Amino acid sequence: MNTPIAVMDLGTNTFHLLIAKGTGTDFTEIVHEQQAVKLGEGGINKGYIQPAAFERGIACMQRYRQLITDNKVQQVRAIATSALRNASNGQEFIEQVKNKTGIAIEIIDGNAEAVYIYKGVRAGGGLSEQNTVIVDIGGGSVEFIICNNEEIKWKQSFEIGAARLMDSFHRHDPIPPESITALNFYLQDVLADLFTAAAKYKIHNIIGSSGVFESYAAIIETSKGHSFDLKKTRYYTFDKTTLLSVIESLVLSAHQQRLSNPNIIPVRVDMIVTASILARFIIEKLGVDEIAMSANSLKEGVLAEMMG
């Protein structure tokens, strides 16, 4: 496809814009923007987009509209997930975006979100004939997909994203041991369906889809004195012991330590704590030794579908 197309992933924390041309598995990025809109800030567990977050979202969409116009894009898809899915004023936001930018936002459910994440990771070449658990930790929801390179065998979306968990469990910094224990008990209960499903399949590895797993890879590589560029490293394999050590240090860290780490983007500075407790819980419960990161996620899955 020689004409550029645009995909927007309107998440709970971050709005992404990807303008590209080519094919689903071999495309050229023209624009790749992300903005920490923090749509769920102050209202994620109340099901309401607060006024300041609402305005940040509208302003971001107006800027993205300009980039789309500047790049003469004909095909546009804007996909909204957990925050807009559950907000009582989500429809009002969608209507204002349509009126001010002409962009029609599609709200998708958790199952559709999981399918797009699968398509994105598969397009990145990270899957094999062996069974993988893809984990996508967002701000509002977390998707788990048991799959191989041929098919999805099981999928489910859980409304336990890092912003929701932070709001409920990470109220003091550093996070107290009793809060970690409470969160682990909560995850044991809420993720029962995942572990029941995983017991039916021989799970070979875990692939973390973008997000916090990108931060882990960057922290590990820069600690070795290497540079780390996501545009060049679309797939990364972790050493499990090293990864769990990094996760432990993040869970125990204070806000200022995380803030001063250039490998953690600002919107992730605090949410990385509950996201890391969740990641560690999954790794230990599934008992697999091979863990990887794919830089591909939902937007690449939508792009792959649009490009055929």
Protein backbone atom coordinates (compact mmCIF):
# COMPACT_ATOMS: atom_id res chain seq x y z
CA MET A 1 0.00 0.00 0.00
CA ASN A 2 1.72 3.17 -1.21
CA THR A 3 -0.76 5.66 0.22
CA PRO A 4 -0.19 6.34 3.93
CA ILE A 5 -2.76 5.17 6.46
CA ALA A 6 -3.18 6.26 10.08
CA VAL A 7 -4.00 4.27 13.20
CA MET A 8 -4.66 5.77 16.61
CA ASP A 9 -4.64 3.73 19.81
CA LEU A 10 -6.42 5.84 22.41
CA GLY A 11 -5.40 4.22 25.67
CA THR A 12 -6.02 5.03 29.31
CA ASN A 13 -2.61 6.66 29.75
CA THR A 14 -1.29 7.33 26.27
CA PHE A 15 -2.72 8.29 22.89
CA HIS A 16 -0.64 6.81 20.05
CA LEU A 17 -0.62 7.85 16.39
CA LEU A 18 1.03 5.68 13.74
CA ILE A 19 1.09 6.82 10.11
CA ALA A 20 2.67 4.26 7.81
CA LYS A 21 2.71 2.77 4.33
CA GLY A 22 3.66 -0.65 3.03
CA THR A 23 2.31 -4.03 4.16
CA GLY A 24 1.23 -5.33 7.55
CA THR A 25 4.50 -7.20 8.07
CA ASP A 26 6.79 -4.75 6.25
CA PHE A 27 5.74 -1.16 6.68
CA THR A 28 7.57 2.16 6.81
CA GLU A 29 6.73 4.52 9.65
CA ILE A 30 6.08 8.07 8.49
CA VAL A 31 4.87 9.41 11.86
CA HIS A 32 4.95 7.64 15.22
CA GLU A 33 3.73 9.91 18.00
CA GLN A 34 2.65 9.23 21.54
CA GLN A 35 1.27 11.66 24.08
CA ALA A 36 0.72 11.07 27.78
CA VAL A 37 -2.91 12.24 27.83
CA LYS A 38 -3.61 10.35 31.11
CA LEU A 39 -7.30 10.09 30.32
CA GLY A 40 -7.88 7.97 33.42
CA GLU A 41 -6.15 10.36 35.85
CA GLY A 42 -8.26 11.00 38.92
CA GLY A 43 -11.22 9.04 37.63
CA ILE A 44 -10.10 5.63 36.39
CA ASN A 45 -11.94 3.61 39.04
CA LYS A 46 -14.85 6.05 39.19
CA GLY A 47 -15.73 5.57 35.52
CA TYR A 48 -15.47 9.27 34.70
CA ILE A 49 -13.02 11.34 32.64
CA GLN A 50 -12.03 14.36 34.72
CA PRO A 51 -12.26 17.82 33.02
CA ALA A 52 -8.48 18.38 32.75
CA ALA A 53 -7.96 14.91 31.25
CA PHE A 54 -10.90 15.47 28.89
CA GLU A 55 -9.31 18.68 27.58
CA ARG A 56 -5.89 17.04 27.18
CA GLY A 57 -7.52 14.32 25.11
CA ILE A 58 -9.33 16.79 22.83
CA ALA A 59 -6.15 18.87 22.33
CA CYS A 60 -4.16 15.73 21.46
CA MET A 61 -6.76 14.63 18.89
CA GLN A 62 -6.69 18.07 17.29
CA ARG A 63 -2.90 17.83 16.96
CA TYR A 64 -3.16 14.33 15.50
CA ARG A 65 -5.77 15.60 13.01
CA GLN A 66 -3.24 18.17 11.78
CA LEU A 67 -0.53 15.51 11.35
CA ILE A 68 -2.98 13.33 9.42
CA THR A 69 -3.87 16.26 7.14
CA ASP A 70 -0.22 17.25 6.66
CA ASN A 71 0.64 13.71 5.54
CA LYS A 72 -2.33 13.46 3.13
CA VAL A 73 -3.72 10.36 4.84
CA GLN A 74 -6.92 8.98 3.30
CA GLN A 75 -7.64 6.02 5.61
CA VAL A 76 -7.89 6.67 9.35
CA ARG A 77 -8.90 4.45 12.26
CA ALA A 78 -9.04 5.61 15.87
CA ILE A 79 -9.47 2.78 18.38
CA ALA A 80 -10.49 3.43 21.98
CA THR A 81 -10.10 0.91 24.79
CA SER A 82 -10.64 0.65 28.53
CA ALA A 83 -10.90 4.28 29.73
CA LEU A 84 -13.42 5.36 27.09
CA ARG A 85 -15.15 1.98 27.19
CA ASN A 86 -16.03 2.44 30.87
CA ALA A 87 -16.38 6.22 31.26
CA SER A 88 -19.86 7.61 31.80
CA ASN A 89 -18.84 10.66 29.72
CA GLY A 90 -16.94 8.61 27.11
CA GLN A 91 -19.65 9.19 24.49
CA GLU A 92 -19.47 12.93 25.08
CA PHE A 93 -15.71 12.78 24.44
CA ILE A 94 -16.27 10.83 21.20
CA GLU A 95 -18.85 13.36 20.00
CA GLN A 96 -16.59 16.33 20.74
CA VAL A 97 -13.69 14.70 18.88
CA LYS A 98 -15.97 14.06 15.87
CA ASN A 99 -17.23 17.66 15.89
CA LYS A 100 -13.79 19.26 16.29
CA THR A 101 -11.64 16.96 14.13
CA GLY A 102 -13.92 14.86 11.94
CA ILE A 103 -12.31 11.71 13.40
CA ALA A 104 -14.75 8.92 14.25
CA ILE A 105 -13.56 6.99 17.31
CA GLU A 106 -14.41 3.27 17.53
CA ILE A 107 -14.78 1.79 21.01
CA ILE A 108 -13.81 -1.88 21.00
CA ASP A 109 -14.41 -4.47 23.69
CA GLY A 110 -11.69 -6.44 25.45
CA ASN A 111 -12.01 -9.45 23.14
CA ALA A 112 -11.48 -7.33 20.02
CA GLU A 113 -8.55 -5.62 21.76
CA ALA A 114 -6.96 -9.02 22.44
CA VAL A 115 -7.36 -10.06 18.78
CA TYR A 116 -5.64 -6.89 17.54
CA ILE A 117 -2.80 -7.35 20.02
CA TYR A 118 -2.36 -10.92 18.74
CA LYS A 119 -2.32 -9.71 15.12
CA GLY A 120 0.24 -7.04 16.01
CA VAL A 121 2.61 -9.43 17.80
CA ARG A 122 2.20 -12.04 15.02
CA ALA A 123 3.00 -9.41 12.36
CA GLY A 124 6.20 -8.66 14.27
CA GLY A 125 7.36 -12.24 13.80
CA GLY A 126 7.50 -13.20 17.46
CA LEU A 127 5.34 -16.32 17.40
CA SER A 128 6.14 -19.97 16.57
CA GLU A 129 4.25 -23.27 16.46
CA GLN A 130 4.70 -23.54 20.24
CA ASN A 131 2.18 -22.04 22.67
CA THR A 132 2.78 -18.51 23.87
CA VAL A 133 1.03 -16.34 26.42
CA ILE A 134 0.94 -12.76 25.16
CA VAL A 135 0.53 -10.23 27.99
CA ASP A 136 -0.44 -6.63 27.28
CA ILE A 137 -0.46 -4.50 30.45
CA GLY A 138 -2.33 -1.28 29.75
CA GLY A 139 -3.43 1.46 32.09
CA GLY A 140 -7.05 0.36 32.20
CA SER A 141 -7.06 -3.27 31.16
CA VAL A 142 -4.74 -6.24 30.73
CA GLU A 143 -5.11 -8.71 27.87
CA PHE A 144 -3.91 -12.32 27.92
CA ILE A 145 -3.81 -14.37 24.74
CA ILE A 146 -2.80 -18.05 24.61
CA CYS A 147 -1.80 -18.66 21.02
CA ASN A 148 0.72 -19.80 18.43
CA ASN A 149 1.57 -18.43 14.98
CA GLU A 150 -1.52 -20.11 13.51
CA GLU A 151 -4.34 -19.30 15.91
CA ILE A 152 -5.64 -17.90 19.18
CA LYS A 153 -6.50 -20.74 21.56
CA TRP A 154 -7.86 -18.61 24.42
CA LYS A 155 -8.10 -14.90 25.18
CA GLN A 156 -9.49 -12.66 27.89
CA SER A 157 -9.35 -9.02 28.87
CA PHE A 158 -9.32 -8.07 32.56
CA GLU A 159 -10.08 -4.57 33.86
CA ILE A 160 -6.98 -4.60 36.08
CA GLY A 161 -4.67 -2.20 34.25
CA ALA A 162 -1.73 -0.54 35.98
CA ALA A 163 -3.60 2.74 36.59
CA ARG A 164 -6.49 0.88 38.24
CA LEU A 165 -4.12 -1.19 40.39
CA MET A 166 -2.12 1.90 41.37
CA ASP A 167 -5.30 3.70 42.41
CA SER A 168 -6.32 0.77 44.62
CA PHE A 169 -3.02 -0.56 46.00
CA HIS A 170 -0.15 1.93 45.57
CA ARG A 171 -1.16 4.77 47.86
CA HIS A 172 2.17 5.16 49.69
CA ASP A 173 5.62 5.30 48.13
CA PRO A 174 7.63 3.10 48.21
CA ILE A 175 4.76 0.62 48.09
CA PRO A 176 4.48 -1.11 51.53
CA PRO A 177 4.97 -4.90 51.82
CA GLU A 178 1.38 -5.35 53.03
CA SER A 179 0.10 -3.64 49.85
CA ILE A 180 2.19 -6.00 47.70
CA THR A 181 0.74 -8.97 49.58
CA ALA A 182 -2.81 -7.64 49.19
CA LEU A 183 -2.27 -7.08 45.46
CA ASN A 184 -0.90 -10.61 44.98
CA PHE A 185 -3.95 -12.09 46.74
CA TYR A 186 -6.20 -9.96 44.53
CA LEU A 187 -4.43 -11.15 41.36
CA GLN A 188 -4.66 -14.78 42.49
CA ASP A 189 -8.41 -14.39 42.70
CA VAL A 190 -9.16 -12.21 39.66
CA LEU A 191 -6.90 -14.13 37.24
CA ALA A 192 -8.27 -17.59 38.07
CA ASP A 193 -9.62 -17.99 34.51
CA LEU A 194 -6.16 -17.38 33.04
CA PHE A 195 -4.51 -20.08 35.14
CA THR A 196 -7.31 -22.55 34.43
CA ALA A 197 -6.85 -21.96 30.69
CA ALA A 198 -3.03 -22.09 30.87
CA ALA A 199 -3.20 -25.48 32.61
CA LYS A 200 -4.85 -26.91 29.48
CA TYR A 201 -1.93 -26.02 27.22
CA LYS A 202 1.82 -26.55 27.34
CA ILE A 203 3.02 -22.96 27.59
CA HIS A 204 6.43 -22.43 26.00
CA ASN A 205 7.00 -18.71 26.63
CA ILE A 206 5.58 -15.33 27.60
CA ILE A 207 5.70 -12.33 25.27
CA GLY A 208 5.07 -8.94 26.82
CA SER A 209 3.47 -6.65 24.27
CA SER A 210 5.19 -3.23 24.36
CA GLY A 211 4.47 -1.02 27.39
CA VAL A 212 6.30 -1.86 30.59
CA PHE A 213 8.28 -4.65 28.90
CA GLU A 214 9.96 -2.01 26.71
CA SER A 215 11.13 -0.27 29.89
CA TYR A 216 12.58 -3.53 31.26
CA ALA A 217 14.54 -4.14 28.04
CA ALA A 218 15.87 -0.57 27.99
CA ILE A 219 16.93 -0.72 31.66
CA ILE A 220 18.75 -4.03 31.16
CA GLU A 221 20.56 -3.01 27.98
CA THR A 222 21.68 0.41 29.23
CA SER A 223 22.93 -1.21 32.46
CA LYS A 224 25.28 -3.22 30.23
CA GLY A 225 26.51 -0.03 28.59
CA HIS A 226 24.56 -0.68 25.39
CA SER A 227 22.24 1.71 23.59
CA PHE A 228 18.61 0.69 23.18
CA ASP A 229 16.40 1.89 20.34
CA LEU A 230 12.89 0.48 19.97
CA LYS A 231 12.87 1.32 16.26
CA LYS A 232 15.77 -1.11 15.83
CA THR A 233 14.83 -3.63 18.54
CA ARG A 234 11.30 -4.76 17.76
CA TYR A 235 11.75 -8.09 19.57
CA TYR A 236 13.88 -8.73 22.65
CA THR A 237 14.54 -11.90 24.65
CA PHE A 238 15.10 -11.56 28.40
CA ASP A 239 17.31 -13.52 30.75
CA LYS A 240 14.71 -14.50 33.35
CA THR A 241 16.97 -13.99 36.40
CA THR A 242 18.03 -10.53 35.19
CA LEU A 243 14.45 -9.55 34.42
CA LEU A 244 13.16 -10.62 37.85
CA SER A 245 16.01 -8.69 39.48
CA VAL A 246 15.04 -5.51 37.58
CA ILE A 247 11.38 -6.03 38.49
CA GLU A 248 12.29 -6.46 42.19
CA SER A 249 14.33 -3.25 42.19
CA LEU A 250 11.45 -1.32 40.58
CA VAL A 251 8.88 -2.68 43.05
CA LEU A 252 11.08 -1.61 46.00
CA SER A 253 12.07 1.76 44.49
CA ALA A 254 10.96 5.22 45.54
CA HIS A 255 9.33 7.74 43.19
CA GLN A 256 12.47 9.89 42.88
CA GLN A 257 14.61 6.89 41.87
CA ARG A 258 12.17 5.98 39.12
CA LEU A 259 11.82 9.59 38.00
CA SER A 260 15.58 9.91 37.56
CA ASN A 261 15.75 6.77 35.38
CA PRO A 262 15.79 7.92 31.73
CA ASN A 263 14.55 4.50 30.60
CA ILE A 264 11.15 4.99 32.24
CA ILE A 265 8.88 7.35 30.33
CA PRO A 266 7.20 9.97 32.57
CA VAL A 267 3.67 8.51 32.32
CA ARG A 268 5.04 5.13 33.51
CA VAL A 269 7.10 6.39 36.48
CA ASP A 270 4.55 5.40 39.13
CA MET A 271 2.42 2.87 37.26
CA ILE A 272 5.48 0.70 36.63
CA VAL A 273 5.33 -0.47 40.27
CA THR A 274 1.92 -2.19 40.12
CA ALA A 275 2.59 -3.25 36.51
CA SER A 276 5.80 -4.93 37.72
CA ILE A 277 4.07 -6.74 40.59
CA LEU A 278 1.56 -8.02 38.02
CA ALA A 279 4.31 -9.04 35.54
CA ARG A 280 6.23 -10.89 38.25
CA PHE A 281 3.08 -12.64 39.47
CA ILE A 282 2.33 -13.91 35.94
CA ILE A 283 5.91 -15.06 35.29
CA GLU A 284 6.09 -16.97 38.57
CA LYS A 285 2.58 -18.47 38.34
CA LEU A 286 3.03 -19.70 34.76
CA GLY A 287 6.45 -21.10 35.62
CA VAL A 288 8.03 -20.51 32.19
CA ASP A 289 11.69 -19.66 31.66
CA GLU A 290 11.49 -17.96 28.27
CA ILE A 291 10.22 -14.37 28.34
CA ALA A 292 10.39 -11.85 25.52
CA MET A 293 9.19 -8.37 24.54
CA SER A 294 7.48 -7.44 21.29
CA ALA A 295 7.35 -3.75 20.45
CA ASN A 296 4.21 -4.49 18.45
CA SER A 297 0.79 -4.18 20.03
CA LEU A 298 -2.77 -3.13 19.20
CA LYS A 299 -1.99 -0.38 16.67
CA GLU A 300 0.26 -2.66 14.61
CA GLY A 301 -2.52 -5.25 14.64
CA VAL A 302 -5.03 -2.73 13.31
CA LEU A 303 -2.45 -1.61 10.74
CA ALA A 304 -1.86 -5.22 9.62
CA GLU A 305 -5.62 -5.66 9.12
CA MET A 306 -5.94 -2.41 7.16
CA MET A 307 -2.98 -3.30 4.95
CA GLY A 308 -4.32 -6.78 4.31
